[in-house]
Amino acid sequence: MQTPRPKSIVQCERIMCINDVPPEHVTRMFAWLKHLYQAPSRIYHNWEYIEEMLLAAAHRVPAKINLAQYYAILFHDAVYEPGIKGSEAASVKCLRLFLKSEREHGLWVSPQIILRASRIIMDTINHQPTGTDSSVMLDLSLMRLAVDYDAFLSYANMV
């Protein structure tokens, strides 16, 4: 049985219960990220992958994810070029740039949340958690590898 995916930003918001984030911020963020994740070179690290992670976080993670984890899920592969190192650091810069631009719309995210989200994203380099927030994100990031053999081969071929 295939896991249902969120069909809209509104459904993702409801699933994730992120009450701290204004809906208009989520709309701008999803539009910006979808543009990046739907680039033609994105076969595996694409928007569908992010939707799967959000849905898994909502249904499989025992506790509600925090805001730093939420941002890390959304931005951890925002910049991705196969075989090129430094994508994680570039994705952190992308997160910081987006959140800085959101200040013009009155959204201010604390430096602590940005730092924690950045650390989680950087932990995806070696998939070794350096903090308690990272473990959940790293598990979600690798969940596509915990499937039946045929699906695993399909994902492996995409990478």
Foldseek 3Di string as FASTA:
>chain_A
DDDDFDPDLVSLCVLLVCPVDDSVLSVVLCVLLQVQQVPPLNQQSHPVLLRQLSNCQSPPPPDRADPLLNLLSSQLQSDDDPPDPDSLVVSLVVSVVSQVVCVVVVDHDDPVSSVSSSQLSVCCVVLDDPDPNNVSSSCSNCVQCVDDPVSNVVSVVSD
